[in-house]
Amino acid sequence: MPSQPTTVTPAQLEAAALTFDLLSVPGRLHLVWLLANQELDVTTLAAATGAAVPAASQQLAKLRAAGVVSARRDGRRQLYRVDDPHIVGIIEQMFRHIAPDGTLAADADRARPPRRPRFAGISKG
C-alpha cells in the first residue's frame, strides 16, 4: 500500500473536496462508474442510468468541465470515457467497501454485523 503523505496543502484539500462533491451526486457517480472501463455515448448512458438524455448530457458536461471524463467523436456520436486511473481506483474501492444492499462491506472482524453507513439518509442541504 502506498505511504500516506504526512501533510496536505489547503489546495489539495480543496481539490479533493471538490472532486468528492462532484461525485456525491448519484447520477454522476453512476455515469463515472459506467465509463470507468468502456466508452459509451449519451443515449446508452441515459438508458443505463434511467435518466433522460438531456439530464445525462448535462451531467456529462459537468464531468467534462471538471476533467473527470473526456470525449471523442465517432462519426455522429460523442463517446465518453474516464481517463484518470486514480478516479477509477477511488470508485472501485468505494464499491468494494459498500455491499449491494447499501451496508458497509464486512471487514475481517466478523463479530460486528454489517451496518448502514452513518451518513445514510442524510440529505444535502
N, C-alpha and C. Protein backbone atom coordinates (compact mmCIF):
# COMPACT_ATOMS: atom_id res chain seq x y z
N MET A 1 0.85 -1.18 0.00
CA MET A 1 0.00 0.00 0.00
C MET A 1 0.90 1.24 0.00
N PRO A 2 0.62 2.25 -0.84
CA PRO A 2 1.44 3.46 -0.89
C PRO A 2 1.39 4.19 0.44
N SER A 3 2.49 4.85 0.75
CA SER A 3 2.51 5.60 2.01
C SER A 3 1.65 6.84 1.91
N GLN A 4 1.08 7.21 3.03
CA GLN A 4 0.21 8.38 3.09
C GLN A 4 1.08 9.62 3.30
N PRO A 5 0.78 10.73 2.62
CA PRO A 5 1.57 11.94 2.85
C PRO A 5 1.41 12.40 4.29
N THR A 6 2.48 12.99 4.82
CA THR A 6 2.42 13.44 6.21
C THR A 6 1.68 14.75 6.35
N THR A 7 1.61 15.53 5.29
CA THR A 7 0.86 16.78 5.31
C THR A 7 0.13 16.94 3.98
N VAL A 8 -0.93 17.71 4.02
CA VAL A 8 -1.62 18.07 2.79
C VAL A 8 -1.77 19.59 2.79
N THR A 9 -1.78 20.14 1.61
CA THR A 9 -1.89 21.59 1.49
C THR A 9 -3.35 22.00 1.41
N PRO A 10 -3.64 23.24 1.70
CA PRO A 10 -5.01 23.72 1.52
C PRO A 10 -5.52 23.51 0.09
N ALA A 11 -4.65 23.68 -0.89
CA ALA A 11 -5.06 23.48 -2.29
C ALA A 11 -5.44 22.02 -2.53
N GLN A 12 -4.70 21.08 -1.93
CA GLN A 12 -5.03 19.67 -2.08
C GLN A 12 -6.37 19.35 -1.42
N LEU A 13 -6.58 19.89 -0.23
CA LEU A 13 -7.84 19.66 0.48
C LEU A 13 -9.02 20.20 -0.33
N GLU A 14 -8.85 21.39 -0.88
CA GLU A 14 -9.93 21.99 -1.68
C GLU A 14 -10.22 21.16 -2.93
N ALA A 15 -9.16 20.73 -3.63
CA ALA A 15 -9.34 19.93 -4.85
C ALA A 15 -10.00 18.59 -4.54
N ALA A 16 -9.60 17.96 -3.45
CA ALA A 16 -10.19 16.67 -3.06
C ALA A 16 -11.66 16.86 -2.69
N ALA A 17 -11.96 17.90 -1.92
CA ALA A 17 -13.35 18.16 -1.52
C ALA A 17 -14.22 18.43 -2.74
N LEU A 18 -13.71 19.19 -3.70
CA LEU A 18 -14.48 19.48 -4.91
C LEU A 18 -14.71 18.21 -5.73
N THR A 19 -13.73 17.32 -5.78
CA THR A 19 -13.88 16.06 -6.51
C THR A 19 -14.93 15.20 -5.85
N PHE A 20 -14.86 15.07 -4.52
CA PHE A 20 -15.87 14.27 -3.81
C PHE A 20 -17.25 14.90 -3.95
N ASP A 21 -17.31 16.23 -3.94
CA ASP A 21 -18.59 16.91 -4.12
C ASP A 21 -19.18 16.60 -5.50
N LEU A 22 -18.33 16.63 -6.51
CA LEU A 22 -18.77 16.33 -7.88
C LEU A 22 -19.32 14.91 -7.96
N LEU A 23 -18.66 13.97 -7.29
CA LEU A 23 -19.06 12.57 -7.34
C LEU A 23 -20.15 12.23 -6.33
N SER A 24 -20.57 13.21 -5.53
CA SER A 24 -21.58 12.93 -4.50
C SER A 24 -23.00 12.84 -5.06
N VAL A 25 -23.19 13.22 -6.30
CA VAL A 25 -24.50 13.12 -6.94
C VAL A 25 -24.61 11.71 -7.53
N PRO A 26 -25.58 10.90 -7.06
CA PRO A 26 -25.66 9.51 -7.52
C PRO A 26 -25.67 9.35 -9.04
N GLY A 27 -26.37 10.21 -9.75
CA GLY A 27 -26.40 10.10 -11.21
C GLY A 27 -25.03 10.28 -11.85
N ARG A 28 -24.28 11.26 -11.36
CA ARG A 28 -22.92 11.47 -11.90
C ARG A 28 -22.01 10.32 -11.53
N LEU A 29 -22.12 9.84 -10.29
CA LEU A 29 -21.30 8.71 -9.85
C LEU A 29 -21.59 7.49 -10.71
N HIS A 30 -22.86 7.27 -11.02
CA HIS A 30 -23.24 6.13 -11.86
C HIS A 30 -22.62 6.27 -13.26
N LEU A 31 -22.66 7.46 -13.81
CA LEU A 31 -22.04 7.69 -15.13
C LEU A 31 -20.56 7.37 -15.10
N VAL A 32 -19.87 7.86 -14.08
CA VAL A 32 -18.43 7.62 -13.98
C VAL A 32 -18.17 6.13 -13.82
N TRP A 33 -18.98 5.45 -13.01
CA TRP A 33 -18.82 4.00 -12.84
C TRP A 33 -18.95 3.28 -14.18
N LEU A 34 -19.97 3.65 -14.95
CA LEU A 34 -20.19 3.01 -16.25
C LEU A 34 -19.05 3.31 -17.23
N LEU A 35 -18.48 4.49 -17.13
CA LEU A 35 -17.43 4.91 -18.07
C LEU A 35 -16.03 4.50 -17.61
N ALA A 36 -15.93 3.90 -16.45
CA ALA A 36 -14.60 3.56 -15.90
C ALA A 36 -13.87 2.54 -16.78
N ASN A 37 -14.60 1.67 -17.45
CA ASN A 37 -13.94 0.61 -18.21
C ASN A 37 -14.34 0.53 -19.67
N GLN A 38 -15.17 1.49 -20.11
CA GLN A 38 -15.60 1.46 -21.51
C GLN A 38 -16.06 2.83 -21.97
N GLU A 39 -16.01 3.02 -23.27
CA GLU A 39 -16.54 4.25 -23.86
C GLU A 39 -18.01 4.02 -24.20
N LEU A 40 -18.83 5.02 -23.90
CA LEU A 40 -20.25 4.93 -24.21
C LEU A 40 -20.77 6.28 -24.67
N ASP A 41 -21.85 6.27 -25.45
CA ASP A 41 -22.47 7.52 -25.88
C ASP A 41 -23.57 7.92 -24.90
N VAL A 42 -24.05 9.15 -25.04
CA VAL A 42 -25.01 9.69 -24.08
C VAL A 42 -26.32 8.92 -24.09
N THR A 43 -26.76 8.45 -25.24
CA THR A 43 -28.02 7.70 -25.31
C THR A 43 -27.91 6.39 -24.53
N THR A 44 -26.81 5.69 -24.70
CA THR A 44 -26.59 4.44 -23.97
C THR A 44 -26.48 4.70 -22.48
N LEU A 45 -25.77 5.77 -22.11
CA LEU A 45 -25.62 6.12 -20.70
C LEU A 45 -26.96 6.49 -20.07
N ALA A 46 -27.76 7.25 -20.79
CA ALA A 46 -29.07 7.64 -20.27
C ALA A 46 -29.93 6.40 -20.03
N ALA A 47 -29.93 5.49 -20.98
CA ALA A 47 -30.72 4.26 -20.82
C ALA A 47 -30.21 3.42 -19.65
N ALA A 48 -28.90 3.33 -19.48
CA ALA A 48 -28.33 2.52 -18.41
C ALA A 48 -28.59 3.10 -17.03
N THR A 49 -28.71 4.42 -16.95
CA THR A 49 -28.92 5.06 -15.65
C THR A 49 -30.38 5.40 -15.38
N GLY A 50 -31.23 5.25 -16.38
CA GLY A 50 -32.64 5.59 -16.21
C GLY A 50 -32.90 7.09 -16.28
N ALA A 51 -31.93 7.84 -16.78
CA ALA A 51 -32.08 9.29 -16.89
C ALA A 51 -32.54 9.66 -18.29
N ALA A 52 -33.09 10.85 -18.42
CA ALA A 52 -33.41 11.39 -19.74
C ALA A 52 -32.10 11.79 -20.41
N VAL A 53 -32.08 11.74 -21.72
CA VAL A 53 -30.86 12.10 -22.45
C VAL A 53 -30.39 13.51 -22.10
N PRO A 54 -31.27 14.53 -22.05
CA PRO A 54 -30.78 15.87 -21.69
C PRO A 54 -30.16 15.92 -20.29
N ALA A 55 -30.72 15.18 -19.34
CA ALA A 55 -30.17 15.16 -17.98
C ALA A 55 -28.81 14.49 -17.96
N ALA A 56 -28.67 13.36 -18.65
CA ALA A 56 -27.38 12.68 -18.72
C ALA A 56 -26.35 13.57 -19.41
N SER A 57 -26.77 14.25 -20.46
CA SER A 57 -25.88 15.15 -21.18
C SER A 57 -25.39 16.28 -20.28
N GLN A 58 -26.28 16.82 -19.47
CA GLN A 58 -25.91 17.90 -18.55
C GLN A 58 -24.90 17.40 -17.51
N GLN A 59 -25.12 16.20 -16.99
CA GLN A 59 -24.19 15.64 -16.01
C GLN A 59 -22.83 15.36 -16.66
N LEU A 60 -22.84 14.87 -17.88
CA LEU A 60 -21.59 14.62 -18.60
C LEU A 60 -20.83 15.92 -18.84
N ALA A 61 -21.55 17.00 -19.14
CA ALA A 61 -20.90 18.30 -19.34
C ALA A 61 -20.19 18.75 -18.07
N LYS A 62 -20.81 18.53 -16.92
CA LYS A 62 -20.17 18.89 -15.64
C LYS A 62 -18.93 18.04 -15.40
N LEU A 63 -19.04 16.77 -15.69
CA LEU A 63 -17.89 15.87 -15.51
C LEU A 63 -16.76 16.21 -16.47
N ARG A 64 -17.10 16.60 -17.68
CA ARG A 64 -16.08 17.02 -18.66
C ARG A 64 -15.41 18.31 -18.22
N ALA A 65 -16.21 19.27 -17.77
CA ALA A 65 -15.66 20.56 -17.33
C ALA A 65 -14.69 20.38 -16.17
N ALA A 66 -14.96 19.39 -15.32
CA ALA A 66 -14.09 19.12 -14.17
C ALA A 66 -12.89 18.25 -14.55
N GLY A 67 -12.87 17.75 -15.77
CA GLY A 67 -11.75 16.92 -16.21
C GLY A 67 -11.85 15.47 -15.77
N VAL A 68 -13.02 15.05 -15.31
CA VAL A 68 -13.20 13.67 -14.86
C VAL A 68 -13.43 12.74 -16.05
N VAL A 69 -14.19 13.20 -17.04
CA VAL A 69 -14.40 12.41 -18.25
C VAL A 69 -13.93 13.22 -19.46
N SER A 70 -13.64 12.49 -20.51
CA SER A 70 -13.30 13.13 -21.78
C SER A 70 -14.17 12.49 -22.86
N ALA A 71 -14.15 13.09 -24.02
CA ALA A 71 -14.99 12.59 -25.11
C ALA A 71 -14.22 12.64 -26.41
N ARG A 72 -14.63 11.78 -27.31
CA ARG A 72 -14.08 11.79 -28.67
C ARG A 72 -15.23 11.54 -29.63
N ARG A 73 -15.10 12.11 -30.79
CA ARG A 73 -16.14 11.96 -31.80
C ARG A 73 -15.92 10.66 -32.56
N ASP A 74 -17.01 9.93 -32.77
CA ASP A 74 -17.01 8.70 -33.57
C ASP A 74 -18.17 8.81 -34.54
N GLY A 75 -17.90 9.36 -35.72
CA GLY A 75 -18.97 9.64 -36.66
C GLY A 75 -19.86 10.74 -36.10
N ARG A 76 -21.14 10.44 -35.95
CA ARG A 76 -22.08 11.44 -35.41
C ARG A 76 -22.22 11.35 -33.89
N ARG A 77 -21.60 10.34 -33.30
CA ARG A 77 -21.72 10.15 -31.84
C ARG A 77 -20.52 10.71 -31.10
N GLN A 78 -20.76 11.09 -29.90
CA GLN A 78 -19.72 11.51 -28.98
C GLN A 78 -19.56 10.35 -27.99
N LEU A 79 -18.36 9.79 -27.88
CA LEU A 79 -18.11 8.70 -26.94
C LEU A 79 -17.36 9.25 -25.74
N TYR A 80 -17.84 8.91 -24.55
CA TYR A 80 -17.27 9.41 -23.30
C TYR A 80 -16.48 8.30 -22.62
N ARG A 81 -15.47 8.72 -21.82
CA ARG A 81 -14.67 7.77 -21.07
C ARG A 81 -14.02 8.48 -19.88
N VAL A 82 -13.59 7.70 -18.91
CA VAL A 82 -12.82 8.22 -17.78
C VAL A 82 -11.37 7.87 -18.07
N ASP A 83 -10.51 8.88 -18.12
CA ASP A 83 -9.10 8.65 -18.43
C ASP A 83 -8.23 8.50 -17.19
N ASP A 84 -8.68 9.04 -16.07
CA ASP A 84 -7.85 9.11 -14.88
C ASP A 84 -7.94 7.82 -14.06
N PRO A 85 -6.86 7.02 -14.01
CA PRO A 85 -6.92 5.77 -13.26
C PRO A 85 -7.12 5.99 -11.76
N HIS A 86 -6.76 7.15 -11.25
CA HIS A 86 -6.96 7.45 -9.83
C HIS A 86 -8.45 7.56 -9.50
N ILE A 87 -9.20 8.23 -10.35
CA ILE A 87 -10.64 8.35 -10.16
C ILE A 87 -11.28 6.96 -10.21
N VAL A 88 -10.87 6.16 -11.19
CA VAL A 88 -11.39 4.80 -11.31
C VAL A 88 -11.07 4.01 -10.05
N GLY A 89 -9.85 4.14 -9.55
CA GLY A 89 -9.44 3.43 -8.34
C GLY A 89 -10.27 3.81 -7.12
N ILE A 90 -10.54 5.10 -6.97
CA ILE A 90 -11.34 5.58 -5.84
C ILE A 90 -12.74 4.97 -5.90
N ILE A 91 -13.33 4.98 -7.07
CA ILE A 91 -14.69 4.47 -7.23
C ILE A 91 -14.72 2.96 -7.03
N GLU A 92 -13.74 2.25 -7.57
CA GLU A 92 -13.69 0.80 -7.37
C GLU A 92 -13.54 0.47 -5.88
N GLN A 93 -12.68 1.20 -5.18
CA GLN A 93 -12.52 0.98 -3.74
C GLN A 93 -13.82 1.22 -3.00
N MET A 94 -14.52 2.28 -3.36
CA MET A 94 -15.77 2.61 -2.69
C MET A 94 -16.79 1.49 -2.86
N PHE A 95 -16.92 0.97 -4.07
CA PHE A 95 -17.91 -0.07 -4.29
C PHE A 95 -17.47 -1.43 -3.77
N ARG A 96 -16.19 -1.63 -3.53
CA ARG A 96 -15.75 -2.84 -2.82
C ARG A 96 -16.09 -2.73 -1.34
N HIS A 97 -16.19 -1.50 -0.84
CA HIS A 97 -16.45 -1.27 0.58
C HIS A 97 -17.95 -1.26 0.91
N ILE A 98 -18.78 -1.03 -0.07
CA ILE A 98 -20.23 -0.96 0.16
C ILE A 98 -20.89 -2.15 -0.51
N ALA A 99 -21.62 -2.93 0.29
CA ALA A 99 -22.30 -4.12 -0.21
C ALA A 99 -23.48 -3.71 -1.09
N PRO A 100 -23.96 -4.62 -1.94
CA PRO A 100 -25.09 -4.30 -2.82
C PRO A 100 -26.34 -3.79 -2.10
N ASP A 101 -26.52 -4.18 -0.84
CA ASP A 101 -27.70 -3.71 -0.10
C ASP A 101 -27.48 -2.35 0.56
N GLY A 102 -26.31 -1.75 0.33
CA GLY A 102 -26.02 -0.43 0.87
C GLY A 102 -25.34 -0.44 2.22
N THR A 103 -25.16 -1.60 2.82
CA THR A 103 -24.43 -1.67 4.08
C THR A 103 -22.94 -1.63 3.78
N LEU A 104 -22.17 -1.30 4.81
CA LEU A 104 -20.73 -1.34 4.64
C LEU A 104 -20.31 -2.79 4.56
N ALA A 105 -19.42 -3.10 3.62
CA ALA A 105 -18.98 -4.47 3.44
C ALA A 105 -18.29 -4.95 4.72
N ALA A 106 -18.47 -6.22 5.01
CA ALA A 106 -17.90 -6.78 6.23
C ALA A 106 -16.38 -6.73 6.18
N ASP A 107 -15.80 -6.36 7.31
CA ASP A 107 -14.35 -6.37 7.46
C ASP A 107 -13.93 -7.74 8.00
N ALA A 108 -12.67 -7.84 8.33
CA ALA A 108 -12.16 -9.09 8.88
C ALA A 108 -12.82 -9.40 10.22
N ASP A 109 -13.30 -8.37 10.92
CA ASP A 109 -13.95 -8.55 12.21
C ASP A 109 -15.39 -9.01 11.98
N ARG A 110 -15.63 -10.29 11.96
CA ARG A 110 -16.95 -10.85 11.68
C ARG A 110 -17.88 -10.74 12.89
N ALA A 111 -17.36 -10.31 14.04
CA ALA A 111 -18.20 -10.20 15.24
C ALA A 111 -19.22 -9.08 15.10
N ARG A 112 -18.91 -8.09 14.29
CA ARG A 112 -19.84 -6.97 14.08
C ARG A 112 -20.71 -7.26 12.88
N PRO A 113 -22.01 -7.08 13.01
CA PRO A 113 -22.89 -7.27 11.85
C PRO A 113 -22.70 -6.13 10.85
N PRO A 114 -23.07 -6.36 9.58
CA PRO A 114 -23.00 -5.26 8.60
C PRO A 114 -23.88 -4.11 9.08
N ARG A 115 -23.48 -2.91 8.77
CA ARG A 115 -24.26 -1.75 9.20
C ARG A 115 -24.38 -0.77 8.05
N ARG A 116 -25.39 0.04 8.16
CA ARG A 116 -25.56 1.12 7.19
C ARG A 116 -24.52 2.19 7.51
N PRO A 117 -24.02 2.86 6.50
CA PRO A 117 -23.11 3.98 6.79
C PRO A 117 -23.82 5.00 7.66
N ARG A 118 -23.08 5.66 8.53
CA ARG A 118 -23.66 6.66 9.42
C ARG A 118 -24.34 7.80 8.66
N PHE A 119 -23.91 8.05 7.44
CA PHE A 119 -24.46 9.16 6.68
C PHE A 119 -25.67 8.75 5.87
N ALA A 120 -26.10 7.51 5.94
CA ALA A 120 -27.28 7.07 5.19
C ALA A 120 -28.49 7.88 5.61
N GLY A 121 -29.22 8.36 4.65
CA GLY A 121 -30.44 9.12 4.94
C GLY A 121 -30.20 10.59 5.19
N ILE A 122 -28.96 11.01 5.24
CA ILE A 122 -28.66 12.43 5.43
C ILE A 122 -28.78 13.11 4.08
N SER A 123 -29.60 14.13 4.01
CA SER A 123 -29.74 14.84 2.74
C SER A 123 -28.83 16.06 2.75
N LYS A 124 -28.35 16.38 1.56
CA LYS A 124 -27.51 17.58 1.42
C LYS A 124 -28.43 18.78 1.47
N GLY A 125 -28.06 19.75 2.26
CA GLY A 125 -28.94 20.89 2.36
C GLY A 125 -28.21 22.09 2.28
